[in-house]
Amino acid sequence: MIALTLGESLRRQQDAGSPWAELLRVPDLSVGLYVLPAGGVDVQQPHTEDEVYVVLAGRSRFTAGGESRDAGPGDVIFVPARVPHRFHDISEELRVVVVFGPAEDSRGDAPA
């Protein structure tokens, strides 16, 4: 078993010096923490893997493909592989657990 506390996960993300920190990787999935400040910009590109976002804290809008919605604590959002998506209009610092299936970047390069 592997278990991580939220505090440990936040420390790893802060130590990474990046909004993203991978916390766990096995062949069939990877898990990380994505933190964006209020007013921040989400510059991610579509991934070649399916993704599940679990919003732990914060508020924003989220757009995937042509659909937009509010995102806040407790929300779970699924995005299929290769679908353009991003968080925007971030009004409170976002803390999001991200699960990739299979593991992030395991299917090769994302589409241009």
N, C-alpha and C. Protein backbone atom coordinates (compact mmCIF):
# COMPACT_ATOMS: atom_id res chain seq x y z
N MET A 1 0.84 -1.17 0.00
CA MET A 1 0.00 0.00 0.00
C MET A 1 0.89 1.24 0.00
N ILE A 2 0.42 2.25 -0.69
CA ILE A 2 1.05 3.57 -0.66
C ILE A 2 -0.02 4.54 -0.20
N ALA A 3 0.29 5.32 0.81
CA ALA A 3 -0.66 6.31 1.31
C ALA A 3 0.06 7.64 1.47
N LEU A 4 -0.57 8.71 1.03
CA LEU A 4 0.00 10.05 1.14
C LEU A 4 -1.00 10.95 1.84
N THR A 5 -0.49 11.81 2.72
CA THR A 5 -1.37 12.80 3.34
C THR A 5 -1.43 14.03 2.43
N LEU A 6 -2.47 14.83 2.62
CA LEU A 6 -2.57 16.07 1.85
C LEU A 6 -1.39 16.98 2.16
N GLY A 7 -0.99 17.07 3.44
CA GLY A 7 0.15 17.91 3.81
C GLY A 7 1.43 17.48 3.10
N GLU A 8 1.69 16.18 3.08
CA GLU A 8 2.88 15.66 2.39
C GLU A 8 2.80 15.95 0.88
N SER A 9 1.63 15.78 0.31
CA SER A 9 1.44 16.02 -1.12
C SER A 9 1.68 17.49 -1.45
N LEU A 10 1.17 18.39 -0.63
CA LEU A 10 1.39 19.83 -0.84
C LEU A 10 2.87 20.18 -0.72
N ARG A 11 3.57 19.59 0.24
CA ARG A 11 5.02 19.85 0.38
C ARG A 11 5.76 19.38 -0.87
N ARG A 12 5.40 18.21 -1.40
CA ARG A 12 6.06 17.71 -2.60
C ARG A 12 5.80 18.62 -3.80
N GLN A 13 4.56 19.12 -3.91
CA GLN A 13 4.23 20.03 -5.00
C GLN A 13 5.01 21.33 -4.86
N GLN A 14 5.09 21.88 -3.66
CA GLN A 14 5.84 23.13 -3.44
C GLN A 14 7.33 22.91 -3.70
N ASP A 15 7.87 21.78 -3.26
CA ASP A 15 9.29 21.47 -3.48
C ASP A 15 9.61 21.32 -4.96
N ALA A 16 8.61 20.91 -5.75
CA ALA A 16 8.82 20.74 -7.20
C ALA A 16 9.00 22.08 -7.89
N GLY A 17 8.55 23.17 -7.26
CA GLY A 17 8.68 24.49 -7.88
C GLY A 17 7.82 24.64 -9.12
N SER A 18 6.76 23.88 -9.18
CA SER A 18 5.88 23.85 -10.35
C SER A 18 4.45 23.67 -9.85
N PRO A 19 3.46 24.08 -10.65
CA PRO A 19 2.08 23.84 -10.23
C PRO A 19 1.75 22.34 -10.13
N TRP A 20 2.51 21.49 -10.81
CA TRP A 20 2.24 20.05 -10.91
C TRP A 20 3.32 19.25 -10.21
N ALA A 21 2.90 18.25 -9.45
CA ALA A 21 3.84 17.28 -8.88
C ALA A 21 3.23 15.90 -8.97
N GLU A 22 3.94 14.98 -9.61
CA GLU A 22 3.49 13.60 -9.65
C GLU A 22 3.76 12.96 -8.29
N LEU A 23 2.76 12.27 -7.75
CA LEU A 23 2.87 11.67 -6.43
C LEU A 23 2.99 10.16 -6.48
N LEU A 24 2.47 9.56 -7.54
CA LEU A 24 2.46 8.10 -7.65
C LEU A 24 2.44 7.73 -9.12
N ARG A 25 3.19 6.68 -9.47
CA ARG A 25 3.19 6.19 -10.86
C ARG A 25 3.33 4.68 -10.86
N VAL A 26 2.41 4.02 -11.53
CA VAL A 26 2.49 2.61 -11.87
C VAL A 26 2.09 2.53 -13.35
N PRO A 27 2.31 1.42 -14.02
CA PRO A 27 2.03 1.40 -15.46
C PRO A 27 0.60 1.80 -15.84
N ASP A 28 -0.39 1.42 -15.07
CA ASP A 28 -1.77 1.65 -15.47
C ASP A 28 -2.36 2.97 -15.02
N LEU A 29 -1.67 3.72 -14.15
CA LEU A 29 -2.16 5.03 -13.75
C LEU A 29 -1.06 5.83 -13.09
N SER A 30 -1.28 7.14 -13.05
CA SER A 30 -0.41 8.02 -12.26
C SER A 30 -1.32 9.04 -11.59
N VAL A 31 -0.83 9.55 -10.46
CA VAL A 31 -1.60 10.49 -9.65
C VAL A 31 -0.70 11.65 -9.28
N GLY A 32 -1.26 12.85 -9.34
CA GLY A 32 -0.48 14.01 -8.95
C GLY A 32 -1.36 15.08 -8.34
N LEU A 33 -0.71 16.14 -7.90
CA LEU A 33 -1.39 17.29 -7.33
C LEU A 33 -1.09 18.50 -8.19
N TYR A 34 -2.14 19.22 -8.56
CA TYR A 34 -2.05 20.40 -9.42
C TYR A 34 -2.58 21.57 -8.61
N VAL A 35 -1.75 22.60 -8.41
CA VAL A 35 -2.13 23.77 -7.62
C VAL A 35 -1.96 25.02 -8.47
N LEU A 36 -3.04 25.78 -8.61
CA LEU A 36 -3.02 27.03 -9.37
C LEU A 36 -3.52 28.16 -8.49
N PRO A 37 -2.81 29.29 -8.47
CA PRO A 37 -3.23 30.41 -7.62
C PRO A 37 -4.45 31.13 -8.17
N ALA A 38 -5.14 31.86 -7.31
CA ALA A 38 -6.22 32.72 -7.77
C ALA A 38 -5.66 33.65 -8.84
N GLY A 39 -6.38 33.79 -9.95
CA GLY A 39 -5.91 34.61 -11.06
C GLY A 39 -4.88 33.94 -11.94
N GLY A 40 -4.48 32.71 -11.60
CA GLY A 40 -3.45 32.00 -12.35
C GLY A 40 -3.96 31.54 -13.71
N VAL A 41 -3.02 31.06 -14.52
CA VAL A 41 -3.32 30.60 -15.87
C VAL A 41 -2.94 29.12 -15.99
N ASP A 42 -3.87 28.33 -16.46
CA ASP A 42 -3.66 26.91 -16.70
C ASP A 42 -3.19 26.74 -18.14
N VAL A 43 -1.95 26.36 -18.33
CA VAL A 43 -1.37 26.28 -19.68
C VAL A 43 -1.25 24.85 -20.19
N GLN A 44 -1.90 23.91 -19.52
CA GLN A 44 -1.77 22.52 -19.94
C GLN A 44 -2.31 22.29 -21.35
N GLN A 45 -1.77 21.28 -21.98
CA GLN A 45 -2.17 20.86 -23.32
C GLN A 45 -2.92 19.54 -23.20
N PRO A 46 -3.68 19.14 -24.22
CA PRO A 46 -4.37 17.84 -24.17
C PRO A 46 -3.37 16.71 -23.93
N HIS A 47 -3.82 15.71 -23.21
CA HIS A 47 -2.98 14.56 -22.89
C HIS A 47 -3.42 13.36 -23.72
N THR A 48 -2.53 12.40 -23.85
CA THR A 48 -2.84 11.19 -24.59
C THR A 48 -3.49 10.14 -23.71
N GLU A 49 -3.72 10.46 -22.45
CA GLU A 49 -4.35 9.56 -21.50
C GLU A 49 -5.66 10.17 -20.98
N ASP A 50 -6.59 9.32 -20.56
CA ASP A 50 -7.78 9.81 -19.88
C ASP A 50 -7.37 10.43 -18.55
N GLU A 51 -8.18 11.39 -18.08
CA GLU A 51 -7.88 12.06 -16.81
C GLU A 51 -9.13 12.18 -15.96
N VAL A 52 -8.93 12.10 -14.65
CA VAL A 52 -9.96 12.42 -13.68
C VAL A 52 -9.38 13.51 -12.78
N TYR A 53 -10.14 14.60 -12.63
CA TYR A 53 -9.78 15.68 -11.71
C TYR A 53 -10.69 15.60 -10.50
N VAL A 54 -10.12 15.70 -9.30
CA VAL A 54 -10.88 15.79 -8.06
C VAL A 54 -10.49 17.11 -7.41
N VAL A 55 -11.42 18.05 -7.36
CA VAL A 55 -11.13 19.37 -6.80
C VAL A 55 -11.20 19.28 -5.28
N LEU A 56 -10.07 19.51 -4.62
CA LEU A 56 -10.02 19.49 -3.17
C LEU A 56 -10.40 20.84 -2.57
N ALA A 57 -9.94 21.91 -3.21
CA ALA A 57 -10.17 23.26 -2.70
C ALA A 57 -10.09 24.24 -3.85
N GLY A 58 -10.74 25.40 -3.67
CA GLY A 58 -10.67 26.47 -4.65
C GLY A 58 -11.89 26.52 -5.55
N ARG A 59 -11.91 27.56 -6.39
CA ARG A 59 -13.04 27.75 -7.31
C ARG A 59 -12.51 28.29 -8.63
N SER A 60 -13.14 27.83 -9.71
CA SER A 60 -12.78 28.30 -11.05
C SER A 60 -13.88 27.89 -12.01
N ARG A 61 -13.63 28.15 -13.28
CA ARG A 61 -14.41 27.58 -14.37
C ARG A 61 -13.53 26.50 -14.97
N PHE A 62 -14.16 25.53 -15.62
CA PHE A 62 -13.43 24.47 -16.30
C PHE A 62 -14.07 24.26 -17.66
N THR A 63 -13.24 24.22 -18.68
CA THR A 63 -13.73 23.99 -20.04
C THR A 63 -13.05 22.75 -20.60
N ALA A 64 -13.86 21.87 -21.19
CA ALA A 64 -13.35 20.69 -21.89
C ALA A 64 -14.12 20.58 -23.19
N GLY A 65 -13.38 20.54 -24.30
CA GLY A 65 -14.06 20.56 -25.59
C GLY A 65 -14.86 21.85 -25.68
N GLY A 66 -16.12 21.79 -25.99
CA GLY A 66 -16.95 22.99 -26.09
C GLY A 66 -17.83 23.22 -24.88
N GLU A 67 -17.61 22.49 -23.78
CA GLU A 67 -18.47 22.59 -22.61
C GLU A 67 -17.72 23.25 -21.45
N SER A 68 -18.38 24.20 -20.76
CA SER A 68 -17.80 24.88 -19.60
C SER A 68 -18.71 24.72 -18.40
N ARG A 69 -18.12 24.74 -17.22
CA ARG A 69 -18.88 24.63 -15.97
C ARG A 69 -18.07 25.21 -14.83
N ASP A 70 -18.75 25.52 -13.73
CA ASP A 70 -18.06 25.91 -12.51
C ASP A 70 -17.40 24.69 -11.92
N ALA A 71 -16.27 24.91 -11.24
CA ALA A 71 -15.57 23.82 -10.56
C ALA A 71 -15.26 24.26 -9.14
N GLY A 72 -15.52 23.39 -8.18
CA GLY A 72 -15.26 23.70 -6.79
C GLY A 72 -15.05 22.45 -5.97
N PRO A 73 -14.81 22.61 -4.67
CA PRO A 73 -14.50 21.49 -3.79
C PRO A 73 -15.50 20.35 -3.90
N GLY A 74 -14.96 19.14 -4.04
CA GLY A 74 -15.78 17.95 -4.14
C GLY A 74 -16.13 17.55 -5.55
N ASP A 75 -15.91 18.42 -6.52
CA ASP A 75 -16.23 18.08 -7.91
C ASP A 75 -15.25 17.05 -8.45
N VAL A 76 -15.79 16.13 -9.24
CA VAL A 76 -15.00 15.14 -9.95
C VAL A 76 -15.30 15.32 -11.43
N ILE A 77 -14.25 15.52 -12.23
CA ILE A 77 -14.40 15.82 -13.65
C ILE A 77 -13.59 14.81 -14.45
N PHE A 78 -14.24 14.16 -15.41
CA PHE A 78 -13.56 13.23 -16.30
C PHE A 78 -13.33 13.90 -17.65
N VAL A 79 -12.10 13.77 -18.18
CA VAL A 79 -11.77 14.30 -19.50
C VAL A 79 -11.13 13.17 -20.31
N PRO A 80 -11.74 12.79 -21.43
CA PRO A 80 -11.15 11.74 -22.27
C PRO A 80 -9.82 12.20 -22.88
N ALA A 81 -9.00 11.25 -23.22
CA ALA A 81 -7.72 11.53 -23.87
C ALA A 81 -7.91 12.43 -25.08
N ARG A 82 -6.97 13.33 -25.26
CA ARG A 82 -6.85 14.21 -26.42
C ARG A 82 -7.88 15.34 -26.51
N VAL A 83 -8.73 15.48 -25.52
CA VAL A 83 -9.72 16.57 -25.54
C VAL A 83 -9.08 17.82 -24.93
N PRO A 84 -9.06 18.96 -25.65
CA PRO A 84 -8.53 20.19 -25.08
C PRO A 84 -9.34 20.59 -23.84
N HIS A 85 -8.63 21.01 -22.79
CA HIS A 85 -9.30 21.37 -21.54
C HIS A 85 -8.40 22.26 -20.70
N ARG A 86 -9.04 23.01 -19.78
CA ARG A 86 -8.27 23.86 -18.88
C ARG A 86 -9.16 24.44 -17.80
N PHE A 87 -8.52 24.83 -16.69
CA PHE A 87 -9.17 25.62 -15.65
C PHE A 87 -8.96 27.09 -16.02
N HIS A 88 -9.94 27.94 -15.74
CA HIS A 88 -9.80 29.37 -16.03
C HIS A 88 -10.69 30.15 -15.07
N ASP A 89 -10.54 31.47 -15.08
CA ASP A 89 -11.28 32.32 -14.15
C ASP A 89 -11.15 31.79 -12.72
N ILE A 90 -9.91 31.56 -12.32
CA ILE A 90 -9.63 30.97 -11.01
C ILE A 90 -9.79 32.05 -9.95
N SER A 91 -10.83 31.91 -9.12
CA SER A 91 -11.13 32.94 -8.12
C SER A 91 -10.57 32.62 -6.74
N GLU A 92 -10.27 31.35 -6.48
CA GLU A 92 -9.64 30.90 -5.24
C GLU A 92 -8.59 29.86 -5.59
N GLU A 93 -7.46 29.85 -4.88
CA GLU A 93 -6.41 28.87 -5.17
C GLU A 93 -7.00 27.48 -5.35
N LEU A 94 -6.67 26.84 -6.48
CA LEU A 94 -7.15 25.49 -6.77
C LEU A 94 -6.15 24.46 -6.29
N ARG A 95 -6.65 23.44 -5.65
CA ARG A 95 -5.88 22.26 -5.28
C ARG A 95 -6.63 21.07 -5.86
N VAL A 96 -6.02 20.41 -6.83
CA VAL A 96 -6.71 19.38 -7.59
C VAL A 96 -5.86 18.11 -7.64
N VAL A 97 -6.46 16.99 -7.27
CA VAL A 97 -5.82 15.69 -7.49
C VAL A 97 -6.14 15.28 -8.91
N VAL A 98 -5.12 14.85 -9.64
CA VAL A 98 -5.28 14.44 -11.04
C VAL A 98 -4.86 12.98 -11.16
N VAL A 99 -5.73 12.18 -11.77
CA VAL A 99 -5.45 10.77 -12.00
C VAL A 99 -5.42 10.53 -13.51
N PHE A 100 -4.32 9.99 -14.01
CA PHE A 100 -4.18 9.64 -15.42
C PHE A 100 -4.30 8.13 -15.58
N GLY A 101 -5.00 7.69 -16.60
CA GLY A 101 -5.09 6.28 -16.89
C GLY A 101 -4.93 6.05 -18.39
N PRO A 102 -3.92 5.31 -18.82
CA PRO A 102 -2.78 4.83 -18.06
C PRO A 102 -1.90 5.99 -17.58
N ALA A 103 -0.74 5.69 -17.04
CA ALA A 103 0.15 6.71 -16.48
C ALA A 103 0.43 7.83 -17.49
N GLU A 104 0.55 9.06 -16.96
CA GLU A 104 0.78 10.24 -17.80
C GLU A 104 1.96 10.02 -18.75
N ASP A 105 1.79 10.44 -19.99
CA ASP A 105 2.80 10.36 -21.05
C ASP A 105 3.20 8.94 -21.43
N SER A 106 2.43 7.94 -21.02
CA SER A 106 2.78 6.56 -21.37
C SER A 106 2.35 6.16 -22.77
N ARG A 107 1.50 6.97 -23.39
CA ARG A 107 1.04 6.69 -24.75
C ARG A 107 1.78 7.53 -25.80
N GLY A 108 2.79 8.24 -25.41
CA GLY A 108 3.54 9.04 -26.37
C GLY A 108 3.17 10.50 -26.30
N ASP A 109 3.58 11.24 -27.32
CA ASP A 109 3.39 12.68 -27.34
C ASP A 109 1.93 13.06 -27.48
N ALA A 110 1.57 14.16 -26.82
CA ALA A 110 0.22 14.72 -26.96
C ALA A 110 0.08 15.31 -28.36
N PRO A 111 -1.12 15.40 -28.87
CA PRO A 111 -1.31 16.00 -30.20
C PRO A 111 -0.94 17.46 -30.21
N ALA A 112 -0.53 17.94 -31.36
CA ALA A 112 -0.13 19.34 -31.48
C ALA A 112 -1.34 20.25 -31.48
